[in-house]
Protein backbone atom coordinates (compact mmCIF):
# COMPACT_ATOMS: atom_id res chain seq x y z
CA MET A 1 -225.94 144.32 -21.23
CA THR A 2 -227.81 141.01 -21.06
CA ALA A 3 -226.16 137.84 -19.82
CA VAL A 4 -226.19 135.09 -22.43
CA LEU A 5 -224.50 132.65 -20.04
CA SER A 6 -224.66 132.70 -16.24
CA LEU A 7 -222.75 130.41 -13.90
CA LYS A 8 -223.99 130.19 -10.32
CA ASN A 9 -221.76 128.44 -7.79
CA VAL A 10 -220.64 125.84 -10.34
CA SER A 11 -218.27 123.02 -9.41
CA PHE A 12 -216.86 120.08 -11.36
CA GLN A 13 -214.87 117.23 -9.96
CA VAL A 14 -213.48 113.90 -11.09
CA GLY A 15 -213.41 111.43 -8.25
CA GLU A 16 -212.10 113.32 -5.25
CA LYS A 17 -210.32 115.97 -7.32
CA VAL A 18 -212.13 119.32 -7.59
CA LEU A 19 -211.24 120.93 -10.94
CA ILE A 20 -213.76 123.80 -10.89
CA ASP A 21 -214.61 125.15 -7.45
CA ARG A 22 -217.83 127.15 -6.87
CA VAL A 23 -217.46 129.49 -9.84
CA SER A 24 -219.96 132.29 -10.48
CA PHE A 25 -219.90 134.87 -13.30
CA ASP A 26 -221.89 136.10 -16.31
CA VAL A 27 -220.95 136.22 -19.98
CA GLN A 28 -222.58 139.30 -21.46
CA GLU A 29 -224.33 139.22 -24.83
CA GLY A 30 -221.99 140.53 -27.54
CA SER A 31 -218.89 140.43 -25.36
CA CYS A 32 -215.57 138.71 -25.96
CA LEU A 33 -214.59 137.11 -22.66
CA CYS A 34 -211.07 135.69 -22.46
CA ILE A 35 -210.21 133.22 -19.72
CA VAL A 36 -206.59 133.15 -18.60
CA GLY A 37 -204.57 131.51 -15.87
CA PRO A 38 -201.57 129.28 -15.23
CA SER A 39 -201.29 125.85 -16.82
CA GLY A 40 -203.60 123.34 -15.16
CA SER A 41 -205.76 126.04 -13.58
CA GLY A 42 -209.03 124.78 -15.12
CA LYS A 43 -209.43 127.08 -18.16
CA SER A 44 -210.33 124.43 -20.74
CA THR A 45 -212.27 122.37 -18.20
CA LEU A 46 -214.41 125.42 -17.45
CA ILE A 47 -215.52 126.27 -20.98
CA ARG A 48 -216.31 122.62 -21.72
CA LEU A 49 -219.05 122.92 -19.08
CA PHE A 50 -220.92 125.48 -21.19
CA ASN A 51 -222.27 122.98 -23.73
CA ARG A 52 -222.04 119.87 -21.56
CA LEU A 53 -218.83 118.42 -22.97
CA ASN A 54 -218.11 118.31 -19.24
CA VAL A 55 -221.10 117.89 -16.93
CA LYS A 56 -221.05 120.03 -13.81
CA THR A 57 -221.06 118.31 -10.44
CA SER A 58 -223.04 121.04 -8.68
CA GLY A 59 -224.37 124.56 -9.16
CA ASP A 60 -226.30 125.96 -12.12
CA ILE A 61 -225.44 127.13 -15.63
CA PHE A 62 -228.02 129.18 -17.51
CA TYR A 63 -228.13 129.89 -21.23
CA ARG A 64 -230.55 132.69 -22.09
CA ASP A 65 -232.20 132.36 -18.66
CA HIS A 66 -232.83 128.62 -18.99
CA PRO A 67 -230.78 125.89 -17.30
CA ILE A 68 -228.58 124.27 -19.95
CA GLU A 69 -230.29 120.95 -19.18
CA PHE A 70 -233.48 122.48 -20.63
CA TYR A 71 -231.99 122.11 -24.13
CA PRO A 72 -231.35 118.83 -25.93
CA VAL A 73 -227.58 118.33 -26.05
CA SER A 74 -227.43 118.56 -29.85
CA GLU A 75 -229.34 121.86 -29.82
CA LEU A 76 -227.20 123.28 -27.01
CA ARG A 77 -224.01 122.43 -28.91
CA HIS A 78 -225.09 124.17 -32.07
CA ARG A 79 -226.13 127.25 -30.07
CA ILE A 80 -222.83 127.17 -28.12
CA ALA A 81 -220.20 125.99 -30.60
CA MET A 82 -216.71 124.86 -29.63
CA VAL A 83 -213.43 125.13 -31.53
CA PHE A 84 -210.57 123.20 -30.01
CA GLN A 85 -206.83 123.82 -29.83
CA ARG A 86 -206.24 121.48 -32.78
CA THR A 87 -208.97 121.33 -35.40
CA SER A 88 -210.09 117.86 -36.40
CA VAL A 89 -209.76 117.58 -40.16
CA PHE A 90 -211.82 115.00 -42.01
CA PRO A 91 -210.77 113.51 -45.37
CA GLY A 92 -212.12 115.40 -48.38
CA SER A 93 -212.54 119.02 -49.34
CA VAL A 94 -213.19 122.03 -47.16
CA ALA A 95 -216.78 121.92 -48.42
CA ASP A 96 -217.04 118.30 -47.24
CA ASN A 97 -215.87 119.35 -43.78
CA LEU A 98 -218.41 122.17 -43.58
CA LYS A 99 -221.16 119.93 -44.89
CA MET A 100 -220.45 117.42 -42.13
CA ALA A 101 -221.18 120.05 -39.48
CA LEU A 102 -224.62 120.79 -40.94
CA GLN A 103 -225.50 117.14 -41.41
CA PHE A 104 -224.44 116.29 -37.88
CA ARG A 105 -226.62 119.09 -36.57
CA SER A 106 -229.89 118.16 -38.25
CA LYS A 107 -229.34 115.16 -40.57
CA GLU A 108 -230.50 117.45 -43.38
CA LYS A 109 -229.47 116.90 -46.97
CA VAL A 110 -226.94 119.59 -47.80
CA ALA A 111 -225.99 120.70 -51.31
CA ASP A 112 -222.33 120.99 -52.28
CA ASP A 113 -222.83 124.69 -53.04
CA ASP A 114 -224.88 125.58 -49.94
CA PRO A 115 -224.62 129.40 -49.58
CA ARG A 116 -223.90 129.02 -45.87
CA PHE A 117 -220.45 127.66 -46.76
CA VAL A 118 -219.24 130.87 -48.41
CA SER A 119 -220.63 133.03 -45.60
CA ALA A 120 -218.91 130.92 -42.93
CA LEU A 121 -215.60 130.97 -44.80
CA ASN A 122 -215.73 134.72 -45.32
CA HIS A 123 -216.41 135.31 -41.63
CA SER A 124 -213.47 133.05 -40.72
CA GLY A 125 -211.11 134.91 -43.05
CA LEU A 126 -210.97 132.41 -45.91
CA ALA A 127 -212.01 133.01 -49.52
CA SER A 128 -214.72 130.95 -51.20
CA SER A 129 -212.04 129.38 -53.42
CA TYR A 130 -211.03 127.25 -50.42
CA LEU A 131 -214.21 125.19 -50.73
CA SER A 132 -212.61 122.87 -53.28
CA GLU A 133 -209.26 122.60 -51.47
CA ASN A 134 -208.18 119.33 -49.86
CA ALA A 135 -208.70 120.07 -46.15
CA GLU A 136 -205.82 117.80 -45.11
CA LEU A 137 -203.35 119.81 -47.20
CA LEU A 138 -204.14 123.20 -45.65
CA SER A 139 -201.61 124.92 -43.43
CA GLY A 140 -202.12 124.86 -39.65
CA GLY A 141 -203.54 128.38 -39.64
CA GLU A 142 -205.86 127.61 -42.55
CA GLN A 143 -207.10 124.45 -40.84
CA GLN A 144 -207.81 126.40 -37.66
CA ARG A 145 -209.80 129.00 -39.59
CA MET A 146 -211.63 126.17 -41.37
CA GLY A 147 -212.47 124.84 -37.90
CA ILE A 148 -213.92 128.23 -37.00
CA ALA A 149 -215.90 128.22 -40.27
CA ARG A 150 -217.20 124.73 -39.46
CA ALA A 151 -218.49 126.07 -36.14
CA LEU A 152 -219.97 129.20 -37.75
CA VAL A 153 -221.84 127.33 -40.48
CA THR A 154 -224.39 126.14 -37.92
CA ASP A 155 -225.10 129.78 -36.93
CA PRO A 156 -224.22 129.59 -33.21
CA HIS A 157 -225.05 132.29 -30.69
CA VAL A 158 -221.87 131.73 -28.66
CA LEU A 159 -218.49 130.70 -30.06
CA CYS A 160 -216.07 129.08 -27.60
CA LEU A 161 -212.41 128.86 -28.59
CA ASP A 162 -209.98 126.74 -26.61
CA GLU A 163 -206.39 127.97 -27.11
CA PRO A 164 -207.02 128.59 -30.85
CA THR A 165 -203.52 129.94 -31.55
CA SER A 166 -201.31 127.89 -29.23
CA ALA A 167 -200.24 125.40 -31.90
CA LEU A 168 -199.62 128.04 -34.57
CA ASP A 169 -196.61 130.07 -35.63
CA VAL A 170 -196.65 133.84 -35.16
CA GLU A 171 -197.97 134.68 -38.63
CA ALA A 172 -200.73 132.08 -38.57
CA ALA A 173 -201.69 133.09 -35.02
CA HIS A 174 -201.98 136.72 -36.13
CA GLN A 175 -204.36 135.69 -38.92
CA VAL A 176 -206.55 133.74 -36.48
CA VAL A 177 -206.55 136.67 -34.04
CA ASN A 178 -207.76 138.96 -36.83
CA THR A 179 -210.51 136.44 -37.58
CA ILE A 180 -211.62 136.48 -33.94
CA LYS A 181 -211.61 140.28 -33.87
CA SER A 182 -213.88 140.34 -36.92
CA LEU A 183 -216.35 138.03 -35.16
CA ARG A 184 -216.80 140.17 -32.05
CA ASP A 185 -219.54 142.29 -33.61
CA LYS A 186 -221.45 139.24 -34.83
CA MET A 187 -221.70 137.00 -31.76
CA THR A 188 -220.62 136.37 -28.21
CA VAL A 189 -217.12 134.91 -27.99
CA VAL A 190 -215.50 133.06 -25.09
CA MET A 191 -211.83 132.23 -25.54
CA VAL A 192 -209.22 130.43 -23.48
CA ASN A 193 -205.79 131.86 -24.26
CA HIS A 194 -202.42 131.95 -22.49
CA ARG A 195 -200.98 134.60 -24.81
CA LEU A 196 -201.89 137.76 -22.93
CA GLU A 197 -200.87 140.06 -25.79
CA GLU A 198 -203.59 138.39 -27.90
CA VAL A 199 -206.07 138.64 -25.04
CA GLU A 200 -205.42 142.36 -24.68
CA GLU A 201 -205.99 142.77 -28.42
CA VAL A 202 -209.30 140.89 -28.76
CA ALA A 203 -211.06 140.83 -25.37
CA THR A 204 -213.78 143.08 -24.01
CA HIS A 205 -213.63 141.26 -20.64
CA VAL A 206 -211.05 138.99 -19.01
CA ALA A 207 -211.31 136.44 -16.22
CA MET A 208 -208.41 134.79 -14.41
CA ILE A 209 -208.86 131.29 -12.99
CA ASP A 210 -206.41 129.60 -10.65
CA ALA A 211 -206.80 126.18 -9.00
CA GLY A 212 -210.38 126.05 -10.29
CA LYS A 213 -211.43 129.36 -8.70
CA ILE A 214 -212.09 132.72 -10.36
CA VAL A 215 -209.45 135.13 -9.07
CA GLU A 216 -210.69 138.28 -10.80
CA ILE A 217 -212.93 139.29 -13.69
CA GLY A 218 -213.39 142.68 -15.31
CA THR A 219 -213.14 144.73 -18.46
CA VAL A 220 -209.92 144.39 -20.41
CA ASP A 221 -208.76 147.79 -19.16
CA GLU A 222 -209.56 146.98 -15.52
CA PHE A 223 -207.88 143.59 -15.77
CA PHE A 224 -204.59 144.71 -17.29
CA HIS A 225 -204.23 148.23 -15.92
CA HIS A 226 -206.12 148.22 -12.61
CA PRO A 227 -205.85 144.70 -11.13
CA LYS A 228 -207.31 144.42 -7.64
CA THR A 229 -205.99 141.13 -6.27
CA ASP A 230 -202.42 140.34 -5.33
CA ARG A 231 -202.69 137.06 -7.24
CA LEU A 232 -203.55 138.78 -10.52
CA LYS A 233 -200.85 141.40 -9.98
CA ALA A 234 -198.29 138.63 -9.47
CA PHE A 235 -199.54 136.73 -12.54
CA LEU A 236 -199.27 139.80 -14.78
CA ALA A 237 -195.85 140.71 -13.39
CA ALA A 238 -194.52 137.19 -14.02
CA TYR A 239 -195.84 137.24 -17.56
CA ARG A 240 -194.17 140.57 -18.28
CA ARG A 241 -190.86 139.43 -16.77
CA GLN A 242 -190.89 136.47 -19.15
CA GLY A 243 -191.30 138.77 -22.11
CA GLY A 244 -194.88 137.75 -22.85
CA SER A 245 -194.50 133.98 -22.98
CA GLU A 246 -195.35 131.28 -20.50
């Protein structure tokens, strides 16, 4: 497999506090890498480095063999799209929200019936009938899937998801998980998630981070069934003792 993202000895700090500490790993093309770890371990901070929402302090990050600084920030962020824990919802219809993503990307004039809208909605698990719906009146799960559609409408190569189900009830979370599973064959996905049962369901690879350092990374089977480090073994055991919730 080919690495679409490569991190080489990457660190990020704010003042004297080191949040990401000399991290190195690859994200393989077409994989679904889930990043897990205890609260405050650096999961969200790490993925925000990929498209320069956070700017690394040292080390190198490569996207398709080029340093990420090679790309204009706007281009990098449409190639590596981000969906946050809580989707920002703008006043107007779902179509208006999707249109905003395209206009922000290129300042192009976008028609209300742009065919990219229906494709993005379908891939995010929403029917085309949602285009006319008031975005602010959607349920939490529907808004999160609209947020995924808004990222997909710009045709990214990598989709980063930061705790996409943490604010959702069980049913809505299940719908979003199914959406993510359907995307795995279409693009590279990187997801931060503390719900390990969801990780085991969607991931091809899993990485654990703790105190800003990568503890272990491997295939989903290696990670859950053949952990190598004592730290990962303890993390998995604690999770299972708590019945699958942090």
